[in-house]
Amino acid sequence: MPTKWLTVEQAAEQLNASARFVRDKLHTGELPGYKLSPKLWRISQEDLDRFIQSKIAGKDGTSKGGA
C-alpha cells in the first residue's frame, strides 16, 4: 500500500492539536517528517500513528521506566 502523506494541518487535525504543536514536534525530532522547503513539511501517516501510539503508551506508564 502506498504511503499516505499528510500536511502539518492534516496531522494537527488528527491529533486535535494546533499546527504549531506539530511543527514544534517536527523541529525537535519527536515526530518524524520531511522538510520540503523552509515552511513546507510532510508527515507519513505511519509516523503519525507511531507518534500517537507512543503518547498513548506513555500515559499509562507502560513505555516509561521508573523506580
N, C-alpha and C. Protein backbone atom coordinates (compact mmCIF):
# COMPACT_ATOMS: atom_id res chain seq x y z
N MET A 1 0.85 -1.18 0.00
CA MET A 1 0.00 0.00 0.00
C MET A 1 0.89 1.24 0.00
N PRO A 2 0.61 2.19 -0.86
CA PRO A 2 1.42 3.41 -0.93
C PRO A 2 1.34 4.23 0.36
N THR A 3 2.40 4.95 0.63
CA THR A 3 2.45 5.80 1.82
C THR A 3 1.51 6.98 1.64
N LYS A 4 0.73 7.26 2.68
CA LYS A 4 -0.13 8.44 2.69
C LYS A 4 0.64 9.56 3.36
N TRP A 5 0.74 10.71 2.69
CA TRP A 5 1.46 11.85 3.20
C TRP A 5 0.48 12.91 3.67
N LEU A 6 0.77 13.49 4.82
CA LEU A 6 -0.09 14.50 5.42
C LEU A 6 0.61 15.84 5.50
N THR A 7 -0.17 16.89 5.42
CA THR A 7 0.35 18.22 5.69
C THR A 7 0.39 18.42 7.21
N VAL A 8 1.03 19.48 7.64
CA VAL A 8 1.06 19.81 9.07
C VAL A 8 -0.37 19.99 9.58
N GLU A 9 -1.19 20.66 8.81
CA GLU A 9 -2.57 20.92 9.22
C GLU A 9 -3.38 19.63 9.34
N GLN A 10 -3.18 18.70 8.41
CA GLN A 10 -3.89 17.41 8.48
C GLN A 10 -3.45 16.62 9.70
N ALA A 11 -2.15 16.62 9.99
CA ALA A 11 -1.64 15.91 11.17
C ALA A 11 -2.20 16.55 12.43
N ALA A 12 -2.24 17.88 12.46
CA ALA A 12 -2.78 18.58 13.63
C ALA A 12 -4.25 18.22 13.85
N GLU A 13 -5.00 18.11 12.78
CA GLU A 13 -6.41 17.75 12.90
C GLU A 13 -6.56 16.35 13.51
N GLN A 14 -5.75 15.41 13.07
CA GLN A 14 -5.82 14.04 13.62
C GLN A 14 -5.43 14.02 15.09
N LEU A 15 -4.52 14.90 15.48
CA LEU A 15 -4.06 14.96 16.87
C LEU A 15 -4.96 15.83 17.75
N ASN A 16 -5.89 16.53 17.11
CA ASN A 16 -6.73 17.50 17.82
C ASN A 16 -5.82 18.52 18.53
N ALA A 17 -4.85 19.00 17.77
CA ALA A 17 -3.84 19.93 18.29
C ALA A 17 -3.65 21.05 17.27
N SER A 18 -2.83 21.99 17.63
CA SER A 18 -2.54 23.10 16.72
C SER A 18 -1.43 22.72 15.74
N ALA A 19 -1.41 23.45 14.63
CA ALA A 19 -0.32 23.27 13.67
C ALA A 19 1.01 23.62 14.32
N ARG A 20 1.01 24.58 15.22
CA ARG A 20 2.24 24.98 15.93
C ARG A 20 2.80 23.81 16.75
N PHE A 21 1.91 23.07 17.42
CA PHE A 21 2.32 21.91 18.20
C PHE A 21 3.02 20.89 17.29
N VAL A 22 2.42 20.63 16.12
CA VAL A 22 3.00 19.66 15.18
C VAL A 22 4.36 20.15 14.70
N ARG A 23 4.46 21.43 14.35
CA ARG A 23 5.75 21.97 13.89
C ARG A 23 6.81 21.88 14.98
N ASP A 24 6.41 22.14 16.23
CA ASP A 24 7.36 22.02 17.35
C ASP A 24 7.88 20.59 17.45
N LYS A 25 6.99 19.61 17.32
CA LYS A 25 7.40 18.20 17.40
C LYS A 25 8.27 17.81 16.22
N LEU A 26 8.01 18.39 15.05
CA LEU A 26 8.86 18.14 13.89
C LEU A 26 10.25 18.73 14.11
N HIS A 27 10.31 19.94 14.63
CA HIS A 27 11.61 20.61 14.84
C HIS A 27 12.46 19.89 15.89
N THR A 28 11.82 19.31 16.91
CA THR A 28 12.59 18.60 17.94
C THR A 28 12.92 17.17 17.52
N GLY A 29 12.30 16.68 16.46
CA GLY A 29 12.53 15.32 16.01
C GLY A 29 11.66 14.29 16.70
N GLU A 30 10.80 14.73 17.59
CA GLU A 30 9.90 13.80 18.28
C GLU A 30 8.90 13.18 17.31
N LEU A 31 8.53 13.95 16.28
CA LEU A 31 7.66 13.46 15.21
C LEU A 31 8.48 13.52 13.92
N PRO A 32 8.73 12.37 13.30
CA PRO A 32 9.50 12.38 12.05
C PRO A 32 8.71 13.03 10.93
N GLY A 33 9.40 13.74 10.07
CA GLY A 33 8.77 14.36 8.92
C GLY A 33 9.82 14.75 7.90
N TYR A 34 9.36 15.20 6.76
CA TYR A 34 10.24 15.58 5.68
C TYR A 34 10.02 17.04 5.34
N LYS A 35 11.09 17.81 5.42
CA LYS A 35 11.03 19.24 5.14
C LYS A 35 11.30 19.45 3.66
N LEU A 36 10.28 19.90 2.95
CA LEU A 36 10.39 20.10 1.51
C LEU A 36 10.88 21.49 1.15
N SER A 37 10.63 22.43 2.03
CA SER A 37 11.11 23.81 1.88
C SER A 37 11.07 24.42 3.28
N PRO A 38 11.53 25.65 3.46
CA PRO A 38 11.59 26.20 4.81
C PRO A 38 10.27 26.15 5.60
N LYS A 39 9.14 26.21 4.91
CA LYS A 39 7.86 26.21 5.61
C LYS A 39 6.95 25.06 5.20
N LEU A 40 7.47 24.10 4.47
CA LEU A 40 6.63 23.02 3.94
C LEU A 40 7.11 21.67 4.43
N TRP A 41 6.28 21.00 5.22
CA TRP A 41 6.58 19.69 5.78
C TRP A 41 5.57 18.67 5.30
N ARG A 42 5.99 17.40 5.29
CA ARG A 42 5.09 16.28 5.06
C ARG A 42 5.39 15.22 6.11
N ILE A 43 4.33 14.62 6.61
CA ILE A 43 4.43 13.59 7.64
C ILE A 43 3.74 12.35 7.10
N SER A 44 4.38 11.20 7.22
CA SER A 44 3.71 9.98 6.77
C SER A 44 2.67 9.57 7.80
N GLN A 45 1.60 8.98 7.32
CA GLN A 45 0.54 8.51 8.22
C GLN A 45 1.11 7.49 9.21
N GLU A 46 2.03 6.66 8.74
CA GLU A 46 2.63 5.64 9.61
C GLU A 46 3.41 6.29 10.75
N ASP A 47 4.18 7.33 10.45
CA ASP A 47 4.93 8.02 11.50
C ASP A 47 3.99 8.71 12.49
N LEU A 48 2.92 9.30 11.99
CA LEU A 48 1.96 9.94 12.88
C LEU A 48 1.29 8.89 13.77
N ASP A 49 0.94 7.75 13.21
CA ASP A 49 0.33 6.68 14.01
C ASP A 49 1.28 6.20 15.11
N ARG A 50 2.57 6.06 14.78
CA ARG A 50 3.55 5.65 15.79
C ARG A 50 3.69 6.71 16.89
N PHE A 51 3.67 7.97 16.50
CA PHE A 51 3.75 9.07 17.46
C PHE A 51 2.55 9.01 18.41
N ILE A 52 1.37 8.81 17.88
CA ILE A 52 0.16 8.71 18.70
C ILE A 52 0.26 7.53 19.65
N GLN A 53 0.69 6.39 19.14
CA GLN A 53 0.80 5.20 19.99
C GLN A 53 1.82 5.40 21.10
N SER A 54 2.91 6.09 20.81
CA SER A 54 3.92 6.33 21.84
C SER A 54 3.36 7.22 22.94
N LYS A 55 2.51 8.15 22.58
CA LYS A 55 1.90 9.04 23.58
C LYS A 55 0.86 8.30 24.40
N ILE A 56 0.10 7.42 23.77
CA ILE A 56 -0.89 6.62 24.49
C ILE A 56 -0.19 5.69 25.47
N ALA A 57 0.87 5.04 25.01
CA ALA A 57 1.62 4.11 25.88
C ALA A 57 2.25 4.88 27.04
N GLY A 58 2.73 6.08 26.79
CA GLY A 58 3.37 6.88 27.83
C GLY A 58 2.39 7.32 28.90
N LYS A 59 1.12 7.51 28.57
CA LYS A 59 0.14 7.97 29.54
C LYS A 59 -0.14 6.93 30.63
N ASP A 60 -0.13 5.65 30.27
CA ASP A 60 -0.43 4.64 31.28
C ASP A 60 0.83 4.06 31.90
N GLY A 61 1.98 4.58 31.50
CA GLY A 61 3.23 4.16 32.13
C GLY A 61 3.86 2.92 31.55
N THR A 62 3.27 2.33 30.52
CA THR A 62 3.81 1.08 30.01
C THR A 62 5.10 1.26 29.22
N SER A 63 5.36 2.44 28.71
CA SER A 63 6.59 2.61 27.93
C SER A 63 7.66 3.39 28.66
N LYS A 64 7.41 3.76 29.89
CA LYS A 64 8.39 4.54 30.64
C LYS A 64 8.88 3.76 31.85
N GLY A 65 10.16 3.79 32.06
CA GLY A 65 10.73 3.12 33.22
C GLY A 65 10.53 3.96 34.47
N GLY A 66 10.71 3.34 35.62
CA GLY A 66 10.54 4.09 36.85
C GLY A 66 11.27 3.40 37.99
N ALA A 67 11.29 4.06 39.12
CA ALA A 67 11.99 3.50 40.28
C ALA A 67 11.10 2.60 41.07
